[in-house]
């Protein structure tokens, strides 16, 4: 769209995630997040802190029974975490991880060990 700053739009999108109030909308948006990351529209390395925060909270909410992401989306999110771990600066990842709740940290660790939230 002419006149729209794409970077600003993506930044705003990341700021409002994860969505929790409307399960249908949440599933669409979290799946869309995967699409944007996988297509390269969102840079995993530079947006690692936001992505780690979002993915960690999605895993917490899904573990708590909130139906905000499908099992397939959770697998995609776990794959994105692995790619972030491979591509982003280690110190940045550690800092971002340390700012998460213990529950989010556990969810991320489980996903990275191949036990993605279902």
N, C-alpha and C. Protein backbone atom coordinates (compact mmCIF):
# COMPACT_ATOMS: atom_id res chain seq x y z
N UNK A 1 0.86 -1.18 0.00
CA UNK A 1 0.00 0.00 0.00
C UNK A 1 0.90 1.23 0.00
N UNK A 2 0.63 2.14 -0.90
CA UNK A 2 1.42 3.35 -1.00
C UNK A 2 1.28 4.18 0.27
N UNK A 3 2.39 4.71 0.73
CA UNK A 3 2.40 5.60 1.88
C UNK A 3 2.40 4.90 3.23
N UNK A 4 2.39 3.58 3.23
CA UNK A 4 2.40 2.85 4.49
C UNK A 4 3.82 2.35 4.75
N UNK A 5 4.34 2.66 5.91
CA UNK A 5 5.67 2.21 6.30
C UNK A 5 5.57 0.76 6.76
N UNK A 6 6.07 -0.14 5.92
CA UNK A 6 5.96 -1.58 6.19
C UNK A 6 6.61 -1.97 7.52
N UNK A 7 7.79 -1.43 7.79
CA UNK A 7 8.49 -1.76 9.03
C UNK A 7 7.68 -1.34 10.25
N UNK A 8 7.06 -0.18 10.18
CA UNK A 8 6.23 0.31 11.27
C UNK A 8 5.00 -0.57 11.46
N UNK A 9 4.40 -0.98 10.35
CA UNK A 9 3.23 -1.84 10.40
C UNK A 9 3.57 -3.19 11.03
N UNK A 10 4.69 -3.78 10.63
CA UNK A 10 5.11 -5.07 11.20
C UNK A 10 5.46 -4.94 12.67
N UNK A 11 6.08 -3.82 13.04
CA UNK A 11 6.41 -3.58 14.44
C UNK A 11 5.15 -3.50 15.30
N UNK A 12 4.15 -2.81 14.79
CA UNK A 12 2.88 -2.71 15.51
C UNK A 12 2.22 -4.09 15.64
N UNK A 13 2.27 -4.86 14.57
CA UNK A 13 1.70 -6.21 14.59
C UNK A 13 2.39 -7.05 15.69
N UNK A 14 3.70 -7.00 15.74
CA UNK A 14 4.43 -7.76 16.76
C UNK A 14 4.10 -7.30 18.17
N UNK A 15 3.88 -6.01 18.35
CA UNK A 15 3.58 -5.46 19.68
C UNK A 15 2.25 -5.96 20.24
N UNK A 16 1.29 -6.25 19.37
CA UNK A 16 -0.03 -6.67 19.86
C UNK A 16 -0.15 -8.18 20.05
N UNK A 17 0.86 -8.91 19.64
CA UNK A 17 0.85 -10.36 19.80
C UNK A 17 1.42 -10.76 21.15
N UNK A 18 1.03 -11.84 21.75
CA UNK A 18 0.03 -12.77 21.24
C UNK A 18 -1.38 -12.27 21.51
N UNK A 19 -2.30 -12.68 20.66
CA UNK A 19 -3.71 -12.35 20.84
C UNK A 19 -4.34 -13.46 21.67
N UNK A 20 -5.14 -13.05 22.66
CA UNK A 20 -5.72 -14.03 23.58
C UNK A 20 -7.24 -13.97 23.67
N UNK A 21 -7.85 -12.85 23.34
CA UNK A 21 -9.27 -12.66 23.60
C UNK A 21 -10.18 -13.44 22.66
N UNK A 22 -9.82 -13.54 21.40
CA UNK A 22 -10.66 -14.17 20.39
C UNK A 22 -9.87 -15.34 19.80
N UNK A 23 -10.27 -16.56 20.15
CA UNK A 23 -9.50 -17.74 19.75
C UNK A 23 -9.37 -17.87 18.24
N UNK A 24 -10.44 -17.61 17.51
CA UNK A 24 -10.37 -17.73 16.06
C UNK A 24 -9.39 -16.72 15.47
N UNK A 25 -9.50 -15.48 15.92
CA UNK A 25 -8.59 -14.43 15.44
C UNK A 25 -7.16 -14.73 15.87
N UNK A 26 -6.98 -15.23 17.07
CA UNK A 26 -5.65 -15.57 17.58
C UNK A 26 -5.00 -16.63 16.70
N UNK A 27 -5.75 -17.66 16.37
CA UNK A 27 -5.19 -18.73 15.53
C UNK A 27 -4.75 -18.18 14.17
N UNK A 28 -5.58 -17.32 13.59
CA UNK A 28 -5.26 -16.72 12.29
C UNK A 28 -4.00 -15.86 12.39
N UNK A 29 -3.94 -15.03 13.41
CA UNK A 29 -2.80 -14.12 13.56
C UNK A 29 -1.50 -14.85 13.88
N UNK A 30 -1.57 -15.88 14.74
CA UNK A 30 -0.36 -16.60 15.09
C UNK A 30 0.14 -17.44 13.91
N UNK A 31 -0.80 -17.97 13.12
CA UNK A 31 -0.41 -18.67 11.90
C UNK A 31 0.17 -17.67 10.90
N UNK A 32 -0.43 -16.50 10.83
CA UNK A 32 0.08 -15.44 9.95
C UNK A 32 1.47 -14.98 10.36
N UNK A 33 1.73 -14.95 11.65
CA UNK A 33 3.07 -14.61 12.14
C UNK A 33 4.08 -15.61 11.57
N UNK A 34 3.73 -16.88 11.63
CA UNK A 34 4.62 -17.91 11.07
C UNK A 34 4.86 -17.66 9.58
N UNK A 35 3.79 -17.34 8.85
CA UNK A 35 3.92 -17.05 7.41
C UNK A 35 4.90 -15.90 7.18
N UNK A 36 4.75 -14.84 7.96
CA UNK A 36 5.61 -13.66 7.79
C UNK A 36 7.07 -13.98 8.09
N UNK A 37 7.31 -14.74 9.14
CA UNK A 37 8.69 -15.10 9.50
C UNK A 37 9.27 -16.04 8.46
N UNK A 38 8.52 -17.06 8.10
CA UNK A 38 9.01 -18.06 7.14
C UNK A 38 9.27 -17.46 5.75
N UNK A 39 8.52 -16.43 5.39
CA UNK A 39 8.70 -15.79 4.08
C UNK A 39 9.82 -14.76 4.09
N UNK A 40 10.34 -14.44 5.29
CA UNK A 40 11.40 -13.45 5.41
C UNK A 40 10.90 -12.03 5.58
N UNK A 41 9.59 -11.84 5.63
CA UNK A 41 9.04 -10.50 5.82
C UNK A 41 9.39 -9.95 7.20
N UNK A 42 9.51 -10.85 8.18
CA UNK A 42 9.98 -10.49 9.51
C UNK A 42 11.33 -11.16 9.68
N UNK A 43 12.34 -10.36 9.99
CA UNK A 43 13.70 -10.86 10.15
C UNK A 43 13.85 -11.51 11.53
N UNK A 44 14.14 -12.80 11.53
CA UNK A 44 14.25 -13.53 12.80
C UNK A 44 15.38 -13.01 13.68
N UNK A 45 16.49 -12.65 13.08
CA UNK A 45 17.64 -12.21 13.87
C UNK A 45 17.37 -10.87 14.55
N UNK A 46 16.83 -9.91 13.80
CA UNK A 46 16.62 -8.58 14.39
C UNK A 46 15.39 -8.53 15.27
N UNK A 47 14.40 -9.35 14.98
CA UNK A 47 13.16 -9.35 15.77
C UNK A 47 13.14 -10.48 16.80
N UNK A 48 14.30 -11.08 17.06
CA UNK A 48 14.37 -12.20 18.00
C UNK A 48 13.73 -11.90 19.35
N UNK A 49 14.00 -10.75 19.99
CA UNK A 49 13.38 -10.51 21.29
C UNK A 49 11.86 -10.54 21.26
N UNK A 50 11.26 -9.90 20.27
CA UNK A 50 9.81 -9.89 20.16
C UNK A 50 9.28 -11.29 19.87
N UNK A 51 9.93 -11.99 18.97
CA UNK A 51 9.47 -13.33 18.61
C UNK A 51 9.59 -14.30 19.78
N UNK A 52 10.66 -14.22 20.53
CA UNK A 52 10.83 -15.08 21.71
C UNK A 52 9.74 -14.79 22.73
N UNK A 53 9.45 -13.51 22.95
CA UNK A 53 8.39 -13.13 23.89
C UNK A 53 7.04 -13.69 23.45
N UNK A 54 6.72 -13.47 22.18
CA UNK A 54 5.42 -13.91 21.65
C UNK A 54 5.30 -15.42 21.70
N UNK A 55 6.29 -16.11 21.20
CA UNK A 55 6.23 -17.58 21.13
C UNK A 55 6.17 -18.17 22.54
N UNK A 56 6.97 -17.64 23.44
CA UNK A 56 6.93 -18.14 24.82
C UNK A 56 5.57 -17.99 25.44
N UNK A 57 4.92 -16.84 25.23
CA UNK A 57 3.59 -16.61 25.81
C UNK A 57 2.53 -17.47 25.13
N UNK A 58 2.65 -17.67 23.82
CA UNK A 58 1.71 -18.55 23.13
C UNK A 58 1.79 -19.94 23.74
N UNK A 59 3.00 -20.44 23.96
CA UNK A 59 3.16 -21.77 24.55
C UNK A 59 2.56 -21.85 25.95
N UNK A 60 2.74 -20.82 26.75
CA UNK A 60 2.15 -20.79 28.10
C UNK A 60 0.63 -20.87 28.00
N UNK A 61 0.06 -20.04 27.15
CA UNK A 61 -1.39 -19.98 27.02
C UNK A 61 -1.96 -21.30 26.50
N UNK A 62 -1.30 -21.89 25.52
CA UNK A 62 -1.77 -23.17 24.99
C UNK A 62 -1.68 -24.26 26.06
N UNK A 63 -0.60 -24.26 26.82
CA UNK A 63 -0.46 -25.23 27.92
C UNK A 63 -1.58 -25.05 28.94
N UNK A 64 -2.03 -23.81 29.12
CA UNK A 64 -3.10 -23.50 30.07
C UNK A 64 -4.49 -23.79 29.50
N UNK A 65 -4.54 -24.36 28.30
CA UNK A 65 -5.83 -24.72 27.70
C UNK A 65 -6.44 -23.67 26.81
N UNK A 66 -5.75 -22.55 26.64
CA UNK A 66 -6.26 -21.50 25.74
C UNK A 66 -6.02 -21.96 24.31
N UNK A 67 -7.04 -21.93 23.50
CA UNK A 67 -6.94 -22.42 22.13
C UNK A 67 -6.57 -21.29 21.17
N UNK A 68 -5.40 -20.69 21.43
CA UNK A 68 -4.98 -19.54 20.63
C UNK A 68 -4.05 -19.91 19.48
N UNK A 69 -3.67 -21.18 19.39
CA UNK A 69 -2.82 -21.65 18.29
C UNK A 69 -3.10 -23.13 18.08
N UNK A 70 -3.15 -23.52 16.83
CA UNK A 70 -3.36 -24.93 16.50
C UNK A 70 -2.09 -25.72 16.78
N UNK A 71 -2.20 -27.03 16.90
CA UNK A 71 -0.99 -27.85 17.06
C UNK A 71 0.01 -27.64 15.92
N UNK A 72 -0.48 -27.49 14.70
CA UNK A 72 0.41 -27.26 13.56
C UNK A 72 1.15 -25.93 13.70
N UNK A 73 0.46 -24.91 14.19
CA UNK A 73 1.11 -23.61 14.39
C UNK A 73 2.14 -23.71 15.50
N UNK A 74 1.86 -24.46 16.55
CA UNK A 74 2.84 -24.64 17.62
C UNK A 74 4.11 -25.31 17.11
N UNK A 75 3.96 -26.27 16.21
CA UNK A 75 5.14 -26.91 15.61
C UNK A 75 5.91 -25.89 14.78
N UNK A 76 5.20 -25.07 14.02
CA UNK A 76 5.87 -24.03 13.22
C UNK A 76 6.59 -23.03 14.12
N UNK A 77 5.95 -22.65 15.23
CA UNK A 77 6.60 -21.72 16.16
C UNK A 77 7.86 -22.33 16.76
N UNK A 78 7.81 -23.62 17.08
CA UNK A 78 8.99 -24.30 17.62
C UNK A 78 10.12 -24.31 16.59
N UNK A 79 9.77 -24.51 15.33
CA UNK A 79 10.77 -24.48 14.26
C UNK A 79 11.39 -23.09 14.13
N UNK A 80 10.56 -22.08 14.26
CA UNK A 80 11.07 -20.69 14.22
C UNK A 80 12.03 -20.46 15.37
N UNK A 81 11.71 -20.96 16.55
CA UNK A 81 12.63 -20.83 17.69
C UNK A 81 13.98 -21.46 17.39
N UNK A 82 13.96 -22.63 16.80
CA UNK A 82 15.22 -23.30 16.45
C UNK A 82 16.02 -22.45 15.47
N UNK A 83 15.35 -21.88 14.50
CA UNK A 83 16.04 -21.04 13.52
C UNK A 83 16.56 -19.77 14.15
N UNK A 84 15.83 -19.21 15.10
CA UNK A 84 16.32 -18.02 15.83
C UNK A 84 17.59 -18.39 16.58
N UNK A 85 17.56 -19.53 17.23
CA UNK A 85 18.72 -19.99 18.00
C UNK A 85 19.94 -20.14 17.09
N UNK A 86 19.73 -20.54 15.85
CA UNK A 86 20.82 -20.74 14.91
C UNK A 86 21.31 -19.43 14.27
N UNK A 87 20.44 -18.41 14.20
CA UNK A 87 20.78 -17.23 13.42
C UNK A 87 21.01 -15.94 14.22
N UNK A 88 20.42 -15.85 15.38
CA UNK A 88 20.51 -14.59 16.13
C UNK A 88 21.71 -14.60 17.08
N UNK A 89 22.07 -13.43 17.53
CA UNK A 89 23.17 -13.26 18.47
C UNK A 89 22.85 -13.96 19.79
N UNK A 90 23.77 -14.78 20.26
CA UNK A 90 23.56 -15.56 21.48
C UNK A 90 23.27 -14.70 22.70
N UNK A 91 23.97 -13.59 22.84
CA UNK A 91 23.74 -12.71 23.99
C UNK A 91 22.34 -12.11 23.95
N UNK A 92 21.89 -11.77 22.76
CA UNK A 92 20.54 -11.21 22.61
C UNK A 92 19.49 -12.25 22.95
N UNK A 93 19.71 -13.47 22.52
CA UNK A 93 18.78 -14.55 22.84
C UNK A 93 18.73 -14.77 24.35
N UNK A 94 19.89 -14.83 24.99
CA UNK A 94 19.93 -15.04 26.45
C UNK A 94 19.22 -13.91 27.19
N UNK A 95 19.47 -12.68 26.77
CA UNK A 95 18.81 -11.54 27.41
C UNK A 95 17.30 -11.62 27.24
N UNK A 96 16.85 -11.93 26.03
CA UNK A 96 15.42 -12.03 25.77
C UNK A 96 14.79 -13.16 26.57
N UNK A 97 15.47 -14.29 26.63
CA UNK A 97 14.99 -15.45 27.37
C UNK A 97 14.89 -15.14 28.86
N UNK A 98 15.87 -14.42 29.39
CA UNK A 98 15.88 -14.12 30.83
C UNK A 98 14.75 -13.19 31.24
N UNK A 99 14.17 -12.48 30.29
CA UNK A 99 13.08 -11.54 30.60
C UNK A 99 11.71 -12.22 30.59
N UNK A 100 11.67 -13.49 30.20
CA UNK A 100 10.40 -14.22 30.14
C UNK A 100 10.01 -14.75 31.51
N UNK A 101 8.73 -15.04 31.67
CA UNK A 101 8.26 -15.70 32.89
C UNK A 101 8.85 -17.10 32.93
N UNK A 102 8.94 -17.69 34.12
CA UNK A 102 9.43 -19.07 34.21
C UNK A 102 8.61 -20.03 33.36
N UNK A 103 7.29 -19.80 33.27
CA UNK A 103 6.44 -20.67 32.47
C UNK A 103 6.79 -20.58 30.98
N UNK A 104 7.03 -19.36 30.51
CA UNK A 104 7.40 -19.17 29.11
C UNK A 104 8.77 -19.78 28.83
N UNK A 105 9.68 -19.63 29.77
CA UNK A 105 11.00 -20.25 29.61
C UNK A 105 10.87 -21.77 29.49
N UNK A 106 10.03 -22.36 30.33
CA UNK A 106 9.82 -23.81 30.28
C UNK A 106 9.20 -24.23 28.96
N UNK A 107 8.24 -23.45 28.47
CA UNK A 107 7.60 -23.77 27.20
C UNK A 107 8.58 -23.73 26.05
N UNK A 108 9.45 -22.74 26.07
CA UNK A 108 10.47 -22.63 25.01
C UNK A 108 11.47 -23.77 25.12
N UNK A 109 11.91 -24.07 26.32
CA UNK A 109 12.87 -25.17 26.49
C UNK A 109 12.26 -26.48 26.02
N UNK A 110 11.01 -26.73 26.34
CA UNK A 110 10.33 -27.95 25.89
C UNK A 110 10.27 -28.01 24.37
N UNK A 111 9.93 -26.88 23.76
CA UNK A 111 9.84 -26.84 22.30
C UNK A 111 11.19 -27.10 21.65
N UNK A 112 12.24 -26.52 22.21
CA UNK A 112 13.56 -26.71 21.63
C UNK A 112 14.08 -28.13 21.84
N UNK A 113 13.52 -28.82 22.81
CA UNK A 113 13.91 -30.21 23.05
C UNK A 113 12.99 -31.19 22.31
N UNK A 114 12.16 -30.63 21.42
CA UNK A 114 11.31 -31.47 20.60
C UNK A 114 9.99 -31.86 21.21
N UNK A 115 9.63 -31.19 22.30
CA UNK A 115 8.34 -31.48 22.94
C UNK A 115 7.43 -30.28 22.77
N UNK A 116 7.14 -29.96 21.51
CA UNK A 116 6.30 -28.78 21.22
C UNK A 116 4.95 -28.91 21.87
N UNK A 117 4.44 -27.79 22.29
CA UNK A 117 3.11 -27.72 22.90
C UNK A 117 2.08 -28.16 21.88
N UNK A 118 1.16 -28.97 22.28
CA UNK A 118 0.10 -29.43 21.37
C UNK A 118 -1.18 -28.88 21.87
